[in-house]
Every structure is written in C-alpha cells, then in structure tokens.
C-alpha cells in the first residue's frame, strides 16, 4: 500500500513539474511575455494581431499600440492577405490564451512559421501599463 501511494505521489509530482516547466509551448505554439514583446516591438517584420472575440472587442475602447484587428472566426479569409514569413504575435482577452492558441493553430496550418501567443493576453498587457491606443 505504501509503495503504491508513493508511486502515485511520484507520478503526480513529476507530472505537475512537467506542466509547470513547459508553459511556453502549447500545441507547438510559443508564448511570449509582455516584456519580451516590448523588446521586439520595433522590429520591421513584426505583426501584432488582436484576435479578441467580437464581444470582448466591442467592450474595450483600446488595443495594443499598432495592433491590427482580425476576427478570430474568419482566419481562413483574412489569413491569405498576410506574409507567412513575418513574425506574428496574437493576443485575446482569455487569461489562458484560448482564442489566440486556436487562431495560431489555424495559421500554422496555413503555412505561417513564426507565431507567438501573448502570455496573459490583453488584460495582462493593459494591467502592466504597456502601450495602447484607441481601437
């Protein structure tokens, strides 16, 4: 019984460690922190996409400075107008980046190579006082 309990504890402990230490990739999508985004903010090949759901977009009066707005439900339509060689950072209003990850996976299937999801999304960006502008 003690051995079984130890095995269960060991499994749970190392599973938790694995989950905690690998938050930077979800389904092959890299996450980027707000401070990392600030560091590359002026790169020429960087495109920041606001993919908040329409309801969240309508509730907000601001967006990340220089971000382009795209509907997360229309990726196959708008994705064709972007250069697949550029670097893209996506953000949404979901604290766990659900919408951004979903859009990023669709973009990957369309051939985009450099896709990053903003860790914490819009709320973290705004809370930390990074550059915004009226939408």
Protein backbone atom coordinates (compact mmCIF):
# COMPACT_ATOMS: atom_id res chain seq x y z
CA UNK A 1 0.00 0.00 0.00
CA UNK A 2 2.81 2.43 0.91
CA UNK A 3 4.64 1.58 -2.31
CA UNK A 4 1.50 2.22 -4.38
CA UNK A 5 0.88 5.53 -2.58
CA UNK A 6 4.50 6.55 -3.20
CA UNK A 7 4.20 5.66 -6.89
CA UNK A 8 1.04 7.74 -7.24
CA UNK A 9 2.66 10.68 -5.43
CA UNK A 10 5.80 10.35 -7.58
CA UNK A 11 3.72 10.31 -10.79
CA UNK A 12 1.57 13.30 -9.77
CA UNK A 13 4.58 15.29 -8.56
CA UNK A 14 6.57 14.86 -11.77
CA UNK A 15 3.51 15.40 -13.95
CA UNK A 16 2.96 18.73 -12.19
CA UNK A 17 6.62 19.65 -12.62
CA UNK A 18 6.38 18.86 -16.34
CA UNK A 19 3.28 21.02 -16.72
CA UNK A 20 4.75 23.90 -14.74
CA UNK A 21 8.05 23.94 -16.60
CA UNK A 22 6.62 23.79 -20.12
CA UNK A 23 4.17 26.70 -20.31
CA UNK A 24 5.96 28.30 -23.24
CA UNK A 25 4.57 25.90 -25.81
CA UNK A 26 1.03 24.74 -26.36
CA UNK A 27 0.49 22.57 -29.41
CA UNK A 28 3.73 23.85 -30.89
CA UNK A 29 2.75 27.49 -30.35
CA UNK A 30 5.29 29.55 -28.45
CA UNK A 31 4.17 32.02 -25.84
CA UNK A 32 5.79 35.40 -25.40
CA UNK A 33 5.62 37.60 -22.31
CA UNK A 34 4.63 41.24 -22.44
CA UNK A 35 8.20 42.31 -21.59
CA UNK A 36 9.56 40.08 -24.39
CA UNK A 37 7.10 41.69 -26.81
CA UNK A 38 8.22 45.17 -25.75
CA UNK A 39 11.82 44.14 -26.51
CA UNK A 40 10.94 43.31 -30.14
CA UNK A 41 8.18 45.90 -30.55
CA UNK A 42 10.02 47.91 -33.21
CA UNK A 43 11.07 45.01 -35.43
CA UNK A 44 10.08 45.61 -39.04
CA UNK A 45 8.78 42.09 -39.65
CA UNK A 46 6.59 42.03 -36.50
CA UNK A 47 2.79 41.99 -36.85
CA UNK A 48 0.64 42.14 -33.73
CA UNK A 49 -2.86 40.76 -34.22
CA UNK A 50 -5.77 41.46 -31.89
CA UNK A 51 -7.91 38.34 -32.14
CA UNK A 52 -10.25 39.02 -29.24
CA UNK A 53 -13.73 37.63 -29.74
CA UNK A 54 -16.19 40.21 -31.11
CA UNK A 55 -17.91 40.66 -27.74
CA UNK A 56 -14.60 41.36 -26.00
CA UNK A 57 -13.53 43.70 -28.80
CA UNK A 58 -16.76 45.68 -28.51
CA UNK A 59 -16.38 46.02 -24.72
CA UNK A 60 -12.93 47.55 -24.99
CA UNK A 61 -12.04 51.07 -26.04
CA UNK A 62 -8.37 50.26 -26.55
CA UNK A 63 -5.98 47.83 -28.22
CA UNK A 64 -2.25 47.23 -28.12
CA UNK A 65 -0.48 50.04 -29.94
CA UNK A 66 -0.02 49.26 -33.64
CA UNK A 67 -2.02 46.02 -33.41
CA UNK A 68 -4.24 45.02 -36.32
CA UNK A 69 -7.72 43.74 -35.58
CA UNK A 70 -8.82 40.42 -37.06
CA UNK A 71 -11.90 38.33 -36.35
CA UNK A 72 -10.84 35.03 -34.76
CA UNK A 73 -13.66 33.23 -36.56
CA UNK A 74 -12.52 34.31 -40.06
CA UNK A 75 -8.88 33.17 -40.13
CA UNK A 76 -9.22 31.42 -43.47
CA UNK A 77 -10.44 34.69 -45.03
CA UNK A 78 -8.00 37.22 -43.61
CA UNK A 79 -5.02 34.87 -43.27
CA UNK A 80 -4.39 34.94 -47.00
CA UNK A 81 -3.56 38.65 -47.02
CA UNK A 82 -0.58 38.28 -44.66
CA UNK A 83 3.01 37.30 -45.45
CA UNK A 84 3.70 33.85 -43.97
CA UNK A 85 7.38 34.79 -43.46
CA UNK A 86 6.74 37.58 -40.95
CA UNK A 87 6.63 37.22 -37.17
CA UNK A 88 3.14 37.31 -35.61
CA UNK A 89 2.11 37.90 -32.02
CA UNK A 90 -1.53 37.15 -31.27
CA UNK A 91 -3.49 38.24 -28.24
CA UNK A 92 -7.01 37.79 -26.95
CA UNK A 93 -8.95 38.51 -23.76
CA UNK A 94 -8.72 34.96 -22.40
CA UNK A 95 -6.28 34.74 -19.48
CA UNK A 96 -5.24 31.26 -20.69
CA UNK A 97 -4.97 32.45 -24.31
CA UNK A 98 -7.63 30.04 -25.60
CA UNK A 99 -8.69 32.12 -28.60
CA UNK A 100 -5.13 33.10 -29.54
CA UNK A 101 -3.97 29.48 -29.43
CA UNK A 102 -6.88 28.39 -31.61
CA UNK A 103 -6.14 31.09 -34.20
CA UNK A 104 -2.41 30.31 -34.07
CA UNK A 105 -3.04 26.63 -34.84
CA UNK A 106 -5.15 27.63 -37.86
CA UNK A 107 -2.41 29.98 -39.04
CA UNK A 108 0.16 27.19 -38.70
CA UNK A 109 -1.95 25.00 -40.96
CA UNK A 110 -1.94 27.85 -43.50
CA UNK A 111 1.88 27.89 -43.54
CA UNK A 112 2.74 30.61 -41.03
CA UNK A 113 6.02 29.76 -39.28
CA UNK A 114 6.67 32.42 -36.65
CA UNK A 115 3.57 32.65 -34.47
CA UNK A 116 3.64 33.66 -30.83
CA UNK A 117 0.82 33.99 -28.33
CA UNK A 118 0.96 36.81 -25.78
CA UNK A 119 1.04 35.20 -22.36
CA UNK A 120 -1.82 36.59 -20.26
CA UNK A 121 -3.32 38.33 -23.27
CA UNK A 122 -4.88 41.76 -23.36
CA UNK A 123 -5.65 42.00 -19.64
CA UNK A 124 -2.04 41.41 -18.60
CA UNK A 125 -0.77 43.88 -21.19
CA UNK A 126 -3.19 46.59 -20.05
CA UNK A 127 -2.65 45.88 -16.35
CA UNK A 128 1.11 46.30 -16.74
CA UNK A 129 0.68 49.67 -18.45
CA UNK A 130 2.28 48.84 -21.78
CA UNK A 131 1.48 50.95 -24.88
CA UNK A 132 -2.15 51.04 -26.00
CA UNK A 133 -4.15 53.17 -28.39
CA UNK A 134 -7.82 53.74 -29.15
CA UNK A 135 -9.28 50.94 -31.23
